[in-house]
PDB file of N, CA and C in Angstrom:
ATOM      1  N   MET A   1       0.852  -1.179   0.000  1.00  0.00           N
ATOM      2  CA  MET A   1       0.000   0.000   0.000  1.00  0.00           C
ATOM      3  C   MET A   1       0.895   1.239   0.000  1.00  0.00           C
ATOM      4  N   THR A   2       0.624   2.129  -0.903  1.00  0.00           N
ATOM      5  CA  THR A   2       1.419   3.354  -0.979  1.00  0.00           C
ATOM      6  C   THR A   2       0.945   4.347   0.078  1.00  0.00           C
ATOM      7  N   PRO A   3       1.812   5.265   0.472  1.00  0.00           N
ATOM      8  CA  PRO A   3       1.403   6.267   1.448  1.00  0.00           C
ATOM      9  C   PRO A   3       0.202   7.089   0.985  1.00  0.00           C
ATOM     10  N   LEU A   4       0.144   7.401  -0.303  1.00  0.00           N
ATOM     11  CA  LEU A   4      -0.964   8.195  -0.824  1.00  0.00           C
ATOM     12  C   LEU A   4      -2.298   7.495  -0.599  1.00  0.00           C
ATOM     13  N   ILE A   5      -2.339   6.198  -0.874  1.00  0.00           N
ATOM     14  CA  ILE A   5      -3.572   5.425  -0.670  1.00  0.00           C
ATOM     15  C   ILE A   5      -3.927   5.392   0.816  1.00  0.00           C
ATOM     16  N   LEU A   6      -2.919   5.176   1.662  1.00  0.00           N
ATOM     17  CA  LEU A   6      -3.154   5.147   3.110  1.00  0.00           C
ATOM     18  C   LEU A   6      -3.728   6.474   3.590  1.00  0.00           C
ATOM     19  N   TYR A   7      -3.135   7.586   3.165  1.00  0.00           N
ATOM     20  CA  TYR A   7      -3.605   8.900   3.594  1.00  0.00           C
ATOM     21  C   TYR A   7      -5.047   9.142   3.167  1.00  0.00           C
ATOM     22  N   ARG A   8      -5.376   8.753   1.949  1.00  0.00           N
ATOM     23  CA  ARG A   8      -6.752   8.945   1.474  1.00  0.00           C
ATOM     24  C   ARG A   8      -7.739   8.068   2.241  1.00  0.00           C
ATOM     25  N   GLN A   9      -7.339   6.823   2.540  1.00  0.00           N
ATOM     26  CA  GLN A   9      -8.214   5.939   3.311  1.00  0.00           C
ATOM     27  C   GLN A   9      -8.441   6.485   4.712  1.00  0.00           C
ATOM     28  N   GLN A  10      -7.378   6.976   5.337  1.00  0.00           N
ATOM     29  CA  GLN A  10      -7.509   7.531   6.684  1.00  0.00           C
ATOM     30  C   GLN A  10      -8.387   8.783   6.677  1.00  0.00           C
ATOM     31  N   ALA A  11      -8.253   9.615   5.647  1.00  0.00           N
ATOM     32  CA  ALA A  11      -9.087  10.812   5.552  1.00  0.00           C
ATOM     33  C   ALA A  11     -10.557  10.432   5.435  1.00  0.00           C
ATOM     34  N   ALA A  12     -10.834   9.427   4.609  1.00  0.00           N
ATOM     35  CA  ALA A  12     -12.226   8.975   4.451  1.00  0.00           C
ATOM     36  C   ALA A  12     -12.757   8.388   5.749  1.00  0.00           C
ATOM     37  N   LYS A  13     -11.937   7.628   6.429  1.00  0.00           N
ATOM     38  CA  LYS A  13     -12.339   7.010   7.708  1.00  0.00           C
ATOM     39  C   LYS A  13     -12.663   8.093   8.744  1.00  0.00           C
ATOM     40  N   GLU A  14     -11.807   9.108   8.835  1.00  0.00           N
ATOM     41  CA  GLU A  14     -12.047  10.179   9.801  1.00  0.00           C
ATOM     42  C   GLU A  14     -13.250  11.029   9.414  1.00  0.00           C
ATOM     43  N   GLN A  15     -13.462  11.228   8.123  1.00  0.00           N
ATOM     44  CA  GLN A  15     -14.632  11.990   7.691  1.00  0.00           C
ATOM     45  C   GLN A  15     -15.917  11.233   8.027  1.00  0.00           C
ATOM     46  N   ASP A  16     -15.901   9.904   7.835  1.00  0.00           N
ATOM     47  CA  ASP A  16     -17.057   9.079   8.216  1.00  0.00           C
ATOM     48  C   ASP A  16     -17.312   9.164   9.716  1.00  0.00           C
ATOM     49  N   ALA A  17     -16.229   9.139  10.494  1.00  0.00           N
ATOM     50  CA  ALA A  17     -16.365   9.245  11.951  1.00  0.00           C
ATOM     51  C   ALA A  17     -16.941  10.604  12.337  1.00  0.00           C
ATOM     52  N   ALA A  18     -16.533  11.648  11.637  1.00  0.00           N
ATOM     53  CA  ALA A  18     -17.058  12.984  11.922  1.00  0.00           C
ATOM     54  C   ALA A  18     -18.538  13.075  11.556  1.00  0.00           C
ATOM     55  N   ASP A  19     -18.916  12.438  10.448  1.00  0.00           N
ATOM     56  CA  ASP A  19     -20.305  12.489  10.004  1.00  0.00           C
ATOM     57  C   ASP A  19     -21.242  11.750  10.953  1.00  0.00           C
ATOM     58  N   THR A  20     -20.736  10.714  11.616  1.00  0.00           N
ATOM     59  CA  THR A  20     -21.589   9.912  12.497  1.00  0.00           C
ATOM     60  C   THR A  20     -21.445  10.274  13.968  1.00  0.00           C
ATOM     61  N   ALA A  21     -20.537  11.190  14.296  1.00  0.00           N
ATOM     62  CA  ALA A  21     -20.297  11.543  15.698  1.00  0.00           C
ATOM     63  C   ALA A  21     -21.480  12.308  16.274  1.00  0.00           C
ATOM     64  N   VAL A  22     -21.779  11.993  17.523  1.00  0.00           N
ATOM     65  CA  VAL A  22     -22.866  12.671  18.216  1.00  0.00           C
ATOM     66  C   VAL A  22     -22.325  13.871  18.989  1.00  0.00           C
ATOM     67  N   LEU A  23     -21.203  13.680  19.643  1.00  0.00           N
ATOM     68  CA  LEU A  23     -20.619  14.748  20.447  1.00  0.00           C
ATOM     69  C   LEU A  23     -19.847  15.732  19.565  1.00  0.00           C
ATOM     70  N   ALA A  24     -19.999  17.003  19.868  1.00  0.00           N
ATOM     71  CA  ALA A  24     -19.374  18.053  19.067  1.00  0.00           C
ATOM     72  C   ALA A  24     -17.850  17.964  19.097  1.00  0.00           C
ATOM     73  N   ASN A  25     -17.282  17.654  20.277  1.00  0.00           N
ATOM     74  CA  ASN A  25     -15.820  17.604  20.361  1.00  0.00           C
ATOM     75  C   ASN A  25     -15.258  16.428  19.558  1.00  0.00           C
ATOM     76  N   VAL A  26     -15.974  15.316  19.515  1.00  0.00           N
ATOM     77  CA  VAL A  26     -15.543  14.159  18.729  1.00  0.00           C
ATOM     78  C   VAL A  26     -15.657  14.477  17.241  1.00  0.00           C
ATOM     79  N   ARG A  27     -16.746  15.145  16.868  1.00  0.00           N
ATOM     80  CA  ARG A  27     -16.954  15.531  15.474  1.00  0.00           C
ATOM     81  C   ARG A  27     -15.854  16.494  15.017  1.00  0.00           C
ATOM     82  N   ASP A  28     -15.527  17.478  15.851  1.00  0.00           N
ATOM     83  CA  ASP A  28     -14.477  18.437  15.506  1.00  0.00           C
ATOM     84  C   ASP A  28     -13.113  17.759  15.395  1.00  0.00           C
ATOM     85  N   ARG A  29     -12.825  16.859  16.332  1.00  0.00           N
ATOM     86  CA  ARG A  29     -11.550  16.147  16.295  1.00  0.00           C
ATOM     87  C   ARG A  29     -11.425  15.324  15.018  1.00  0.00           C
ATOM     88  N   SER A  30     -12.499  14.623  14.655  1.00  0.00           N
ATOM     89  CA  SER A  30     -12.465  13.796  13.447  1.00  0.00           C
ATOM     90  C   SER A  30     -12.354  14.640  12.190  1.00  0.00           C
ATOM     91  N   ARG A  31     -13.007  15.791  12.179  1.00  0.00           N
ATOM     92  CA  ARG A  31     -12.891  16.690  11.015  1.00  0.00           C
ATOM     93  C   ARG A  31     -11.464  17.217  10.873  1.00  0.00           C
ATOM     94  N   ARG A  32     -10.849  17.593  12.014  1.00  0.00           N
ATOM     95  CA  ARG A  32      -9.463  18.063  11.958  1.00  0.00           C
ATOM     96  C   ARG A  32      -8.529  16.955  11.490  1.00  0.00           C
ATOM     97  N   ALA A  33      -8.774  15.734  11.961  1.00  0.00           N
ATOM     98  CA  ALA A  33      -7.948  14.600  11.531  1.00  0.00           C
ATOM     99  C   ALA A  33      -8.131  14.345  10.044  1.00  0.00           C
ATOM    100  N   ALA A  34      -9.362  14.427   9.561  1.00  0.00           N
ATOM    101  CA  ALA A  34      -9.632  14.226   8.131  1.00  0.00           C
ATOM    102  C   ALA A  34      -8.923  15.293   7.302  1.00  0.00           C
ATOM    103  N   GLU A  35      -8.942  16.535   7.771  1.00  0.00           N
ATOM    104  CA  GLU A  35      -8.245  17.613   7.064  1.00  0.00           C
ATOM    105  C   GLU A  35      -6.737  17.368   7.038  1.00  0.00           C
ATOM    106  N   ALA A  36      -6.199  16.888   8.146  1.00  0.00           N
ATOM    107  CA  ALA A  36      -4.759  16.615   8.203  1.00  0.00           C
ATOM    108  C   ALA A  36      -4.376  15.485   7.244  1.00  0.00           C
ATOM    109  N   TRP A  37      -5.174  14.415   7.225  1.00  0.00           N
ATOM    110  CA  TRP A  37      -4.892  13.302   6.308  1.00  0.00           C
ATOM    111  C   TRP A  37      -5.027  13.749   4.850  1.00  0.00           C
ATOM    112  N   THR A  38      -6.009  14.585   4.570  1.00  0.00           N
ATOM    113  CA  THR A  38      -6.199  15.099   3.212  1.00  0.00           C
ATOM    114  C   THR A  38      -5.016  15.965   2.796  1.00  0.00           C
ATOM    115  N   LYS A  39      -4.531  16.775   3.725  1.00  0.00           N
ATOM    116  CA  LYS A  39      -3.370  17.616   3.434  1.00  0.00           C
ATOM    117  C   LYS A  39      -2.138  16.758   3.166  1.00  0.00           C
ATOM    118  N   LEU A  40      -1.936  15.716   3.965  1.00  0.00           N
ATOM    119  CA  LEU A  40      -0.817  14.802   3.717  1.00  0.00           C
ATOM    120  C   LEU A  40      -0.929  14.157   2.345  1.00  0.00           C
ATOM    121  N   ALA A  41      -2.133  13.765   1.975  1.00  0.00           N
ATOM    122  CA  ALA A  41      -2.340  13.143   0.661  1.00  0.00           C
ATOM    123  C   ALA A  41      -2.008  14.120  -0.458  1.00  0.00           C
ATOM    124  N   SER A  42      -2.452  15.360  -0.340  1.00  0.00           N
ATOM    125  CA  SER A  42      -2.188  16.323  -1.407  1.00  0.00           C
ATOM    126  C   SER A  42      -0.702  16.681  -1.472  1.00  0.00           C
ATOM    127  N   GLN A  43      -0.031  16.760  -0.331  1.00  0.00           N
ATOM    128  CA  GLN A  43       1.409  17.020  -0.334  1.00  0.00           C
ATOM    129  C   GLN A  43       2.172  15.864  -0.971  1.00  0.00           C
ATOM    130  N   THR A  44       1.752  14.647  -0.672  1.00  0.00           N
ATOM    131  CA  THR A  44       2.398  13.476  -1.252  1.00  0.00           C
ATOM    132  C   THR A  44       2.171  13.437  -2.756  1.00  0.00           C
ATOM    133  N   GLU A  45       0.958  13.756  -3.174  1.00  0.00           N
ATOM    134  CA  GLU A  45       0.646  13.777  -4.604  1.00  0.00           C
ATOM    135  C   GLU A  45       1.486  14.830  -5.325  1.00  0.00           C
ATOM    136  N   ARG A  46       1.620  15.991  -4.714  1.00  0.00           N
ATOM    137  CA  ARG A  46       2.420  17.077  -5.298  1.00  0.00           C
ATOM    138  C   ARG A  46       3.892  16.661  -5.385  1.00  0.00           C
ATOM    139  N   ALA A  47       4.404  16.029  -4.344  1.00  0.00           N
ATOM    140  CA  ALA A  47       5.797  15.572  -4.357  1.00  0.00           C
ATOM    141  C   ALA A  47       6.017  14.534  -5.448  1.00  0.00           C
ATOM    142  N   ASP A  48       5.055  13.637  -5.624  1.00  0.00           N
ATOM    143  CA  ASP A  48       5.162  12.632  -6.684  1.00  0.00           C
ATOM    144  C   ASP A  48       5.187  13.286  -8.067  1.00  0.00           C
ATOM    145  N   GLU A  49       4.354  14.317  -8.256  1.00  0.00           N
ATOM    146  CA  GLU A  49       4.323  15.030  -9.534  1.00  0.00           C
ATOM    147  C   GLU A  49       5.652  15.734  -9.794  1.00  0.00           C
ATOM    148  N   LEU A  50       6.190  16.391  -8.764  1.00  0.00           N
ATOM    149  CA  LEU A  50       7.465  17.083  -8.923  1.00  0.00           C
ATOM    150  C   LEU A  50       8.594  16.097  -9.197  1.00  0.00           C
ATOM    151  N   ARG A  51       8.557  14.963  -8.525  1.00  0.00           N
ATOM    152  CA  ARG A  51       9.578  13.933  -8.733  1.00  0.00           C
ATOM    153  C   ARG A  51       9.525  13.412 -10.164  1.00  0.00           C
ATOM    154  N   ALA A  52       8.323  13.210 -10.668  1.00  0.00           N
ATOM    155  CA  ALA A  52       8.167  12.717 -12.044  1.00  0.00           C
ATOM    156  C   ALA A  52       8.675  13.750 -13.043  1.00  0.00           C
ATOM    157  N   THR A  53       8.405  15.026 -12.796  1.00  0.00           N
ATOM    158  CA  THR A  53       8.874  16.074 -13.702  1.00  0.00           C
ATOM    159  C   THR A  53      10.389  16.202 -13.646  1.00  0.00           C
ATOM    160  N   ARG A  54      10.937  16.113 -12.441  1.00  0.00           N
ATOM    161  CA  ARG A  54      12.382  16.222 -12.284  1.00  0.00           C
ATOM    162  C   ARG A  54      13.099  15.075 -12.992  1.00  0.00           C
ATOM    163  N   ASN A  55      12.491  13.906 -12.993  1.00  0.00           N
ATOM    164  CA  ASN A  55      13.103  12.753 -13.630  1.00  0.00           C
ATOM    165  C   ASN A  55      13.119  12.863 -15.155  1.00  0.00           C
ATOM    166  N   LEU A  56      12.315  13.755 -15.705  1.00  0.00           N
ATOM    167  CA  LEU A  56      12.332  13.986 -17.143  1.00  0.00           C
ATOM    168  C   LEU A  56      13.294  15.134 -17.431  1.00  0.00           C
ATOM    169  N   ALA A  57      14.545  14.914 -17.102  1.00  0.00           N
ATOM    170  CA  ALA A  57      15.555  15.957 -17.264  1.00  0.00           C
ATOM    171  C   ALA A  57      15.909  16.125 -18.730  1.00  0.00           C
ATOM    172  N   VAL A  58      16.225  17.342 -19.088  1.00  0.00           N
ATOM    173  CA  VAL A  58      16.595  17.665 -20.463  1.00  0.00           C
ATOM    174  C   VAL A  58      18.014  18.221 -20.440  1.00  0.00           C
ATOM    175  N   ASP A  59      18.849  17.728 -21.341  1.00  0.00           N
ATOM    176  CA  ASP A  59      20.223  18.229 -21.393  1.00  0.00           C
ATOM    177  C   ASP A  59      20.276  19.530 -22.181  1.00  0.00           C
ATOM    178  N   ALA A  60      21.464  20.094 -22.317  1.00  0.00           N
ATOM    179  CA  ALA A  60      21.635  21.391 -22.980  1.00  0.00           C
ATOM    180  C   ALA A  60      21.169  21.362 -24.434  1.00  0.00           C
ATOM    181  N   GLY A  61      21.242  20.206 -25.094  1.00  0.00           N
ATOM    182  CA  GLY A  61      20.814  20.102 -26.482  1.00  0.00           C
ATOM    183  C   GLY A  61      19.326  19.885 -26.648  1.00  0.00           C
ATOM    184  N   GLY A  62      18.576  19.854 -25.537  1.00  0.00           N
ATOM    185  CA  GLY A  62      17.135  19.650 -25.603  1.00  0.00           C
ATOM    186  C   GLY A  62      16.733  18.198 -25.663  1.00  0.00           C
ATOM    187  N   ASN A  63      17.671  17.289 -25.462  1.00  0.00           N
ATOM    188  CA  ASN A  63      17.371  15.857 -25.497  1.00  0.00           C
ATOM    189  C   ASN A  63      17.061  15.346 -24.100  1.00  0.00           C
ATOM    190  N   LEU A  64      16.062  14.474 -24.030  1.00  0.00           N
ATOM    191  CA  LEU A  64      15.765  13.850 -22.741  1.00  0.00           C
ATOM    192  C   LEU A  64      16.919  12.949 -22.354  1.00  0.00           C
ATOM    193  N   ARG A  65      17.273  12.989 -21.077  1.00  0.00           N
ATOM    194  CA  ARG A  65      18.323  12.094 -20.596  1.00  0.00           C
ATOM    195  C   ARG A  65      17.759  11.262 -19.465  1.00  0.00           C
ATOM    196  N   GLU A  66      18.351  10.142 -19.245  1.00  0.00           N
ATOM    197  CA  GLU A  66      17.912   9.258 -18.169  1.00  0.00           C
ATOM    198  C   GLU A  66      18.227   9.915 -16.836  1.00  0.00           C
ATOM    199  N   PRO A  67      17.379   9.718 -15.819  1.00  0.00           N
ATOM    200  CA  PRO A  67      17.635  10.348 -14.523  1.00  0.00           C
ATOM    201  C   PRO A  67      18.933   9.873 -13.886  1.00  0.00           C
ATOM    202  N   SER A  68      19.419   8.684 -14.258  1.00  0.00           N
ATOM    203  CA  SER A  68      20.650   8.178 -13.664  1.00  0.00           C
ATOM    204  C   SER A  68      21.882   8.823 -14.278  1.00  0.00           C
ATOM    205  N   GLU A  69      21.722   9.509 -15.404  1.00  0.00           N
ATOM    206  CA  GLU A  69      22.851  10.172 -16.040  1.00  0.00           C
ATOM    207  C   GLU A  69      23.123  11.494 -15.344  1.00  0.00           C
ATOM    208  N   ASN A  70      24.233  11.565 -14.666  1.00  0.00           N
ATOM    209  CA  ASN A  70      24.607  12.790 -13.974  1.00  0.00           C
ATOM    210  C   ASN A  70      25.770  13.421 -14.722  1.00  0.00           C
ATOM    211  N   PRO A  71      25.567  14.545 -15.383  1.00  0.00           N
ATOM    212  CA  PRO A  71      26.640  15.144 -16.166  1.00  0.00           C
ATOM    213  C   PRO A  71      27.807  15.610 -15.318  1.00  0.00           C
ATOM    214  N   ASP A  72      27.609  15.813 -14.016  1.00  0.00           N
ATOM    215  CA  ASP A  72      28.677  16.287 -13.143  1.00  0.00           C
ATOM    216  C   ASP A  72      29.401  15.160 -12.419  1.00  0.00           C
ATOM    217  N   ARG A  73      28.983  13.936 -12.635  1.00  0.00           N
ATOM    218  CA  ARG A  73      29.575  12.828 -11.900  1.00  0.00           C
ATOM    219  C   ARG A  73      31.075  12.760 -12.169  1.00  0.00           C
ATOM    220  N   GLY A  74      31.837  12.693 -11.091  1.00  0.00           N
ATOM    221  CA  GLY A  74      33.275  12.576 -11.202  1.00  0.00           C
ATOM    222  C   GLY A  74      33.975  13.878 -11.512  1.00  0.00           C
ATOM    223  N   GLN A  75      33.238  14.975 -11.552  1.00  0.00           N
ATOM    224  CA  GLN A  75      33.844  16.255 -11.890  1.00  0.00           C
ATOM    225  C   GLN A  75      33.648  17.276 -10.785  1.00  0.00           C
ATOM    226  N   ALA A  76      33.559  16.808  -9.566  1.00  0.00           N
ATOM    227  CA  ALA A  76      33.346  17.727  -8.456  1.00  0.00           C
ATOM    228  C   ALA A  76      34.577  18.607  -8.270  1.00  0.00           C
ATOM    229  N   ALA A  77      34.330  19.839  -7.938  1.00  0.00           N
ATOM    230  CA  ALA A  77      35.433  20.779  -7.761  1.00  0.00           C
ATOM    231  C   ALA A  77      36.138  20.513  -6.440  1.00  0.00           C
ATOM    232  N   SER A  78      37.438  20.717  -6.436  1.00  0.00           N
ATOM    233  CA  SER A  78      38.189  20.588  -5.191  1.00  0.00           C
ATOM    234  C   SER A  78      37.942  21.838  -4.363  1.00  0.00           C
ATOM    235  N   PRO A  79      38.211  21.793  -3.061  1.00  0.00           N
ATOM    236  CA  PRO A  79      38.008  22.992  -2.237  1.00  0.00           C
ATOM    237  C   PRO A  79      38.792  24.199  -2.736  1.00  0.00           C
ATOM    238  N   LEU A  80      39.980  23.962  -3.303  1.00  0.00           N
ATOM    239  CA  LEU A  80      40.769  25.092  -3.807  1.00  0.00           C
ATOM    240  C   LEU A  80      40.106  25.734  -5.014  1.00  0.00           C
ATOM    241  N   GLU A  81      39.460  24.930  -5.850  1.00  0.00           N
ATOM    242  CA  GLU A  81      38.779  25.482  -7.019  1.00  0.00           C
ATOM    243  C   GLU A  81      37.563  26.299  -6.607  1.00  0.00           C
ATOM    244  N   VAL A  82      36.895  25.859  -5.566  1.00  0.00           N
ATOM    245  CA  VAL A  82      35.709  26.574  -5.110  1.00  0.00           C
ATOM    246  C   VAL A  82      36.106  27.914  -4.524  1.00  0.00           C
ATOM    247  N   VAL A  83      37.144  27.920  -3.696  1.00  0.00           N
ATOM    248  CA  VAL A  83      37.579  29.151  -3.064  1.00  0.00           C
ATOM    249  C   VAL A  83      38.268  30.052  -4.066  1.00  0.00           C
ATOM    250  N   GLY A  84      38.940  29.464  -5.045  1.00  0.00           N
ATOM    251  CA  GLY A  84      39.628  30.260  -6.041  1.00  0.00           C
ATOM    252  C   GLY A  84      41.002  30.692  -5.579  1.00  0.00           C
ATOM    253  N   SER A  85      41.564  29.980  -4.638  1.00  0.00           N
ATOM    254  CA  SER A  85      42.853  30.358  -4.103  1.00  0.00           C
ATOM    255  C   SER A  85      43.744  29.132  -4.010  1.00  0.00           C
ATOM    256  N   THR A  86      45.025  29.361  -4.105  1.00  0.00           N
ATOM    257  CA  THR A  86      45.976  28.264  -3.921  1.00  0.00           C
ATOM    258  C   THR A  86      46.625  28.348  -2.551  1.00  0.00           C
ATOM    259  N   GLN A  87      46.190  29.294  -1.736  1.00  0.00           N
ATOM    260  CA  GLN A  87      46.741  29.444  -0.396  1.00  0.00           C
ATOM    261  C   GLN A  87      46.254  28.304   0.495  1.00  0.00           C
ATOM    262  N   PRO A  88      47.132  27.768   1.352  1.00  0.00           N
ATOM    263  CA  PRO A  88      46.697  26.708   2.259  1.00  0.00           C
ATOM    264  C   PRO A  88      45.743  27.263   3.307  1.00  0.00           C
ATOM    265  N   MET A  89      44.955  26.381   3.846  1.00  0.00           N
ATOM    266  CA  MET A  89      44.033  26.771   4.908  1.00  0.00           C
ATOM    267  C   MET A  89      44.845  27.175   6.137  1.00  0.00           C
ATOM    268  N   VAL A  90      44.406  28.172   6.867  1.00  0.00           N
ATOM    269  CA  VAL A  90      45.096  28.648   8.062  1.00  0.00           C
ATOM    270  C   VAL A  90      44.327  28.170   9.273  1.00  0.00           C
ATOM    271  N   GLU A  91      45.052  27.637  10.242  1.00  0.00           N
ATOM    272  CA  GLU A  91      44.416  27.164  11.465  1.00  0.00           C
ATOM    273  C   GLU A  91      44.508  28.271  12.502  1.00  0.00           C
ATOM    274  N   TYR A  92      43.380  28.640  13.062  1.00  0.00           N
ATOM    275  CA  TYR A  92      43.340  29.679  14.072  1.00  0.00           C
ATOM    276  C   TYR A  92      43.137  29.045  15.438  1.00  0.00           C
ATOM    277  N   LYS A  93      43.851  29.571  16.438  1.00  0.00           N
ATOM    278  CA  LYS A  93      43.674  29.093  17.804  1.00  0.00           C
ATOM    279  C   LYS A  93      42.654  29.995  18.482  1.00  0.00           C
ATOM    280  N   VAL A  94      41.782  29.388  19.254  1.00  0.00           N
ATOM    281  CA  VAL A  94      40.767  30.129  19.960  1.00  0.00           C
ATOM    282  C   VAL A  94      41.102  30.087  21.445  1.00  0.00           C
ATOM    283  N   GLY A  95      41.047  31.208  22.086  1.00  0.00           N
ATOM    284  CA  GLY A  95      41.332  31.267  23.526  1.00  0.00           C
ATOM    285  C   GLY A  95      42.440  32.236  23.831  1.00  0.00           C
ATOM    286  N   ARG A  96      42.827  32.274  25.077  1.00  0.00           N
ATOM    287  CA  ARG A  96      43.868  33.201  25.512  1.00  0.00           C
ATOM    288  C   ARG A  96      45.233  32.671  25.150  1.00  0.00           C
ATOM    289  N   ASP A  97      46.106  33.590  24.832  1.00  0.00           N
ATOM    290  CA  ASP A  97      47.507  33.229  24.547  1.00  0.00           C
ATOM    291  C   ASP A  97      48.355  33.880  25.644  1.00  0.00           C
ATOM    292  N   ASP A  98      48.696  33.072  26.660  1.00  0.00           N
ATOM    293  CA  ASP A  98      49.456  33.603  27.791  1.00  0.00           C
ATOM    294  C   ASP A  98      50.962  33.562  27.551  1.00  0.00           C
ATOM    295  N   GLY A  99      51.362  33.049  26.481  1.00  0.00           N
ATOM    296  CA  GLY A  99      52.765  32.797  26.315  1.00  0.00           C
ATOM    297  C   GLY A  99      53.484  33.693  25.489  1.00  0.00           C
TER     298      GLY A  99
END
């Protein structure tokens, strides 16, 4: 069972409980729970849509590429390239220098 299906089932279950509740506090609690489950379902659905769109990546030439193809793989910049300096890192001491 996918999370989306679970969230929708729980929302329906809580909405049914709210519809049949006699006490106002029970009805309100079930309605709030149904709203929360519905919100989780819509967020999950939105994330699935975004994931599907992201997986349809297009390269610079306009061609679809497989999601497993990472054009940057193995070409990560070294820390010196990122900083733009060839100077070594300097270690600073923190605290009092009594000496």
